[in-house]
Amino acid sequence: MAKRGINFKNLLTLVSVAILVGVEFLGVAVAAGWALAGLFGLSQTLETVLMTAFGALGVYALFVFMRRAVTVEPVRG
């Protein structure tokens, strides 16, 4: 069986998409936590908790997105 190498074009595409989409997901998530805390007049601690919780959701969304992106743009082969 032949050894399959790394497809650097697909790898570069996936890294670029991860950076672009990851920054957008995290930016929107943290901004949503900040905005909701400000809207409801929550304390600084609750604002930090909301931003952290939404940030974790953003990281999870990036993980799911990248897992699906790797199936479309395979790195090996």
N, C-alpha and C. Protein backbone atom coordinates (compact mmCIF):
# COMPACT_ATOMS: atom_id res chain seq x y z
N MET A 1 0.85 -1.17 0.00
CA MET A 1 0.00 0.00 0.00
C MET A 1 0.90 1.24 0.00
N ALA A 2 0.58 2.18 -0.86
CA ALA A 2 1.39 3.38 -0.98
C ALA A 2 1.12 4.34 0.18
N LYS A 3 2.20 4.97 0.61
CA LYS A 3 2.07 5.94 1.70
C LYS A 3 1.51 7.25 1.13
N ARG A 4 0.47 7.75 1.76
CA ARG A 4 -0.17 8.98 1.29
C ARG A 4 0.47 10.17 1.98
N GLY A 5 0.85 11.16 1.19
CA GLY A 5 1.49 12.35 1.74
C GLY A 5 0.48 13.40 2.15
N ILE A 6 1.02 14.49 2.64
CA ILE A 6 0.19 15.60 3.08
C ILE A 6 -0.09 16.51 1.90
N ASN A 7 -1.33 16.88 1.74
CA ASN A 7 -1.73 17.82 0.71
C ASN A 7 -1.61 19.23 1.31
N PHE A 8 -0.50 19.89 1.00
CA PHE A 8 -0.21 21.18 1.63
C PHE A 8 -1.16 22.29 1.19
N LYS A 9 -1.72 22.17 0.00
CA LYS A 9 -2.69 23.17 -0.45
C LYS A 9 -3.94 23.12 0.43
N ASN A 10 -4.45 21.93 0.67
CA ASN A 10 -5.62 21.78 1.55
C ASN A 10 -5.28 22.15 2.99
N LEU A 11 -4.08 21.80 3.44
CA LEU A 11 -3.67 22.15 4.79
C LEU A 11 -3.61 23.66 4.98
N LEU A 12 -3.04 24.36 4.00
CA LEU A 12 -2.97 25.82 4.08
C LEU A 12 -4.37 26.43 4.07
N THR A 13 -5.26 25.87 3.26
CA THR A 13 -6.64 26.36 3.22
C THR A 13 -7.31 26.17 4.58
N LEU A 14 -7.14 25.01 5.19
CA LEU A 14 -7.77 24.73 6.49
C LEU A 14 -7.21 25.61 7.60
N VAL A 15 -5.92 25.85 7.60
CA VAL A 15 -5.32 26.72 8.61
C VAL A 15 -5.84 28.14 8.44
N SER A 16 -5.92 28.61 7.20
CA SER A 16 -6.42 29.96 6.94
C SER A 16 -7.87 30.10 7.36
N VAL A 17 -8.68 29.11 7.05
CA VAL A 17 -10.10 29.15 7.44
C VAL A 17 -10.24 29.09 8.95
N ALA A 18 -9.41 28.28 9.60
CA ALA A 18 -9.47 28.19 11.06
C ALA A 18 -9.16 29.53 11.71
N ILE A 19 -8.18 30.25 11.19
CA ILE A 19 -7.84 31.56 11.75
C ILE A 19 -8.97 32.55 11.50
N LEU A 20 -9.45 32.61 10.28
CA LEU A 20 -10.50 33.58 9.93
C LEU A 20 -11.80 33.32 10.69
N VAL A 21 -12.27 32.10 10.61
CA VAL A 21 -13.55 31.76 11.25
C VAL A 21 -13.41 31.75 12.77
N GLY A 22 -12.27 31.29 13.28
CA GLY A 22 -12.06 31.27 14.72
C GLY A 22 -12.10 32.65 15.35
N VAL A 23 -11.46 33.62 14.70
CA VAL A 23 -11.48 34.99 15.21
C VAL A 23 -12.90 35.54 15.18
N GLU A 24 -13.63 35.24 14.12
CA GLU A 24 -15.01 35.73 14.03
C GLU A 24 -15.91 35.09 15.10
N PHE A 25 -15.81 33.77 15.26
CA PHE A 25 -16.61 33.09 16.27
C PHE A 25 -16.31 33.64 17.67
N LEU A 26 -15.03 33.75 18.01
CA LEU A 26 -14.67 34.22 19.34
C LEU A 26 -15.04 35.69 19.54
N GLY A 27 -14.85 36.50 18.51
CA GLY A 27 -15.22 37.91 18.62
C GLY A 27 -16.70 38.10 18.86
N VAL A 28 -17.51 37.37 18.10
CA VAL A 28 -18.97 37.47 18.27
C VAL A 28 -19.39 36.93 19.63
N ALA A 29 -18.78 35.84 20.05
CA ALA A 29 -19.16 35.22 21.33
C ALA A 29 -18.85 36.14 22.50
N VAL A 30 -17.65 36.69 22.53
CA VAL A 30 -17.26 37.56 23.64
C VAL A 30 -18.07 38.86 23.60
N ALA A 31 -18.30 39.39 22.41
CA ALA A 31 -19.10 40.61 22.30
C ALA A 31 -20.54 40.38 22.74
N ALA A 32 -21.07 39.20 22.46
CA ALA A 32 -22.44 38.90 22.90
C ALA A 32 -22.53 38.85 24.42
N GLY A 33 -21.56 38.23 25.06
CA GLY A 33 -21.53 38.19 26.52
C GLY A 33 -21.41 39.59 27.12
N TRP A 34 -20.54 40.40 26.53
CA TRP A 34 -20.36 41.77 27.01
C TRP A 34 -21.64 42.59 26.82
N ALA A 35 -22.27 42.45 25.65
CA ALA A 35 -23.48 43.22 25.35
C ALA A 35 -24.65 42.82 26.24
N LEU A 36 -24.83 41.53 26.46
CA LEU A 36 -25.93 41.09 27.34
C LEU A 36 -25.72 41.54 28.77
N ALA A 37 -24.48 41.49 29.23
CA ALA A 37 -24.20 41.95 30.59
C ALA A 37 -24.47 43.45 30.71
N GLY A 38 -24.10 44.19 29.72
CA GLY A 38 -24.36 45.63 29.74
C GLY A 38 -25.84 45.94 29.62
N LEU A 39 -26.55 45.19 28.80
CA LEU A 39 -27.97 45.41 28.61
C LEU A 39 -28.76 45.18 29.89
N PHE A 40 -28.42 44.14 30.61
CA PHE A 40 -29.14 43.81 31.83
C PHE A 40 -28.50 44.40 33.09
N GLY A 41 -27.43 45.16 32.94
CA GLY A 41 -26.79 45.81 34.08
C GLY A 41 -26.17 44.84 35.06
N LEU A 42 -25.55 43.79 34.57
CA LEU A 42 -24.96 42.78 35.45
C LEU A 42 -23.60 43.25 35.97
N SER A 43 -23.14 42.62 37.02
CA SER A 43 -21.86 42.99 37.62
C SER A 43 -20.70 42.56 36.73
N GLN A 44 -19.52 43.05 37.08
CA GLN A 44 -18.31 42.72 36.31
C GLN A 44 -18.04 41.21 36.34
N THR A 45 -18.31 40.57 37.47
CA THR A 45 -18.09 39.14 37.59
C THR A 45 -19.02 38.36 36.66
N LEU A 46 -20.29 38.71 36.66
CA LEU A 46 -21.23 38.03 35.78
C LEU A 46 -20.93 38.32 34.30
N GLU A 47 -20.44 39.51 34.03
CA GLU A 47 -20.04 39.83 32.66
C GLU A 47 -18.91 38.92 32.20
N THR A 48 -17.93 38.72 33.08
CA THR A 48 -16.81 37.83 32.76
C THR A 48 -17.29 36.39 32.59
N VAL A 49 -18.21 35.96 33.44
CA VAL A 49 -18.76 34.61 33.33
C VAL A 49 -19.49 34.43 31.99
N LEU A 50 -20.31 35.41 31.61
CA LEU A 50 -21.02 35.33 30.34
C LEU A 50 -20.05 35.31 29.16
N MET A 51 -19.05 36.17 29.19
CA MET A 51 -18.08 36.21 28.09
C MET A 51 -17.31 34.90 28.00
N THR A 52 -16.98 34.31 29.15
CA THR A 52 -16.28 33.02 29.16
C THR A 52 -17.18 31.91 28.63
N ALA A 53 -18.44 31.90 29.05
CA ALA A 53 -19.36 30.85 28.60
C ALA A 53 -19.60 30.96 27.09
N PHE A 54 -19.85 32.17 26.61
CA PHE A 54 -20.05 32.33 25.17
C PHE A 54 -18.77 32.06 24.41
N GLY A 55 -17.63 32.39 25.00
CA GLY A 55 -16.34 32.08 24.36
C GLY A 55 -16.15 30.58 24.22
N ALA A 56 -16.54 29.83 25.25
CA ALA A 56 -16.44 28.37 25.18
C ALA A 56 -17.35 27.82 24.09
N LEU A 57 -18.55 28.39 23.96
CA LEU A 57 -19.43 27.98 22.87
C LEU A 57 -18.82 28.31 21.52
N GLY A 58 -18.13 29.44 21.42
CA GLY A 58 -17.46 29.80 20.18
C GLY A 58 -16.34 28.83 19.82
N VAL A 59 -15.58 28.40 20.82
CA VAL A 59 -14.52 27.42 20.58
C VAL A 59 -15.12 26.09 20.14
N TYR A 60 -16.22 25.69 20.77
CA TYR A 60 -16.88 24.45 20.37
C TYR A 60 -17.42 24.55 18.94
N ALA A 61 -18.00 25.70 18.59
CA ALA A 61 -18.50 25.89 17.23
C ALA A 61 -17.35 25.81 16.23
N LEU A 62 -16.19 26.38 16.58
CA LEU A 62 -15.03 26.29 15.70
C LEU A 62 -14.57 24.84 15.56
N PHE A 63 -14.58 24.09 16.65
CA PHE A 63 -14.19 22.68 16.60
C PHE A 63 -15.11 21.90 15.66
N VAL A 64 -16.40 22.09 15.78
CA VAL A 64 -17.36 21.39 14.92
C VAL A 64 -17.17 21.81 13.46
N PHE A 65 -16.99 23.11 13.24
CA PHE A 65 -16.80 23.61 11.88
C PHE A 65 -15.54 23.02 11.25
N MET A 66 -14.45 22.98 12.00
CA MET A 66 -13.20 22.46 11.45
C MET A 66 -13.26 20.95 11.22
N ARG A 67 -13.98 20.25 12.09
CA ARG A 67 -14.13 18.82 11.88
C ARG A 67 -14.85 18.54 10.57
N ARG A 68 -15.87 19.34 10.28
CA ARG A 68 -16.58 19.19 9.01
C ARG A 68 -15.75 19.67 7.84
N ALA A 69 -14.96 20.71 8.04
CA ALA A 69 -14.13 21.24 6.96
C ALA A 69 -13.06 20.23 6.55
N VAL A 70 -12.53 19.48 7.50
CA VAL A 70 -11.50 18.48 7.19
C VAL A 70 -12.09 17.35 6.35
N THR A 71 -13.37 17.05 6.52
CA THR A 71 -13.98 16.01 5.68
C THR A 71 -14.15 16.49 4.24
N VAL A 72 -14.31 17.81 4.05
CA VAL A 72 -14.46 18.34 2.70
C VAL A 72 -13.09 18.55 2.06
N GLU A 73 -12.13 19.03 2.81
CA GLU A 73 -10.77 19.27 2.33
C GLU A 73 -9.81 18.32 3.05
N PRO A 74 -9.68 17.10 2.59
CA PRO A 74 -8.82 16.15 3.30
C PRO A 74 -7.35 16.56 3.24
N VAL A 75 -6.66 16.43 4.35
CA VAL A 75 -5.25 16.79 4.43
C VAL A 75 -4.39 15.67 3.86
N ARG A 76 -4.78 14.46 4.08
CA ARG A 76 -4.01 13.31 3.56
C ARG A 76 -4.60 12.87 2.22
N GLY A 77 -3.68 12.67 1.27
CA GLY A 77 -4.16 12.11 0.00
C GLY A 77 -4.01 12.94 -1.17
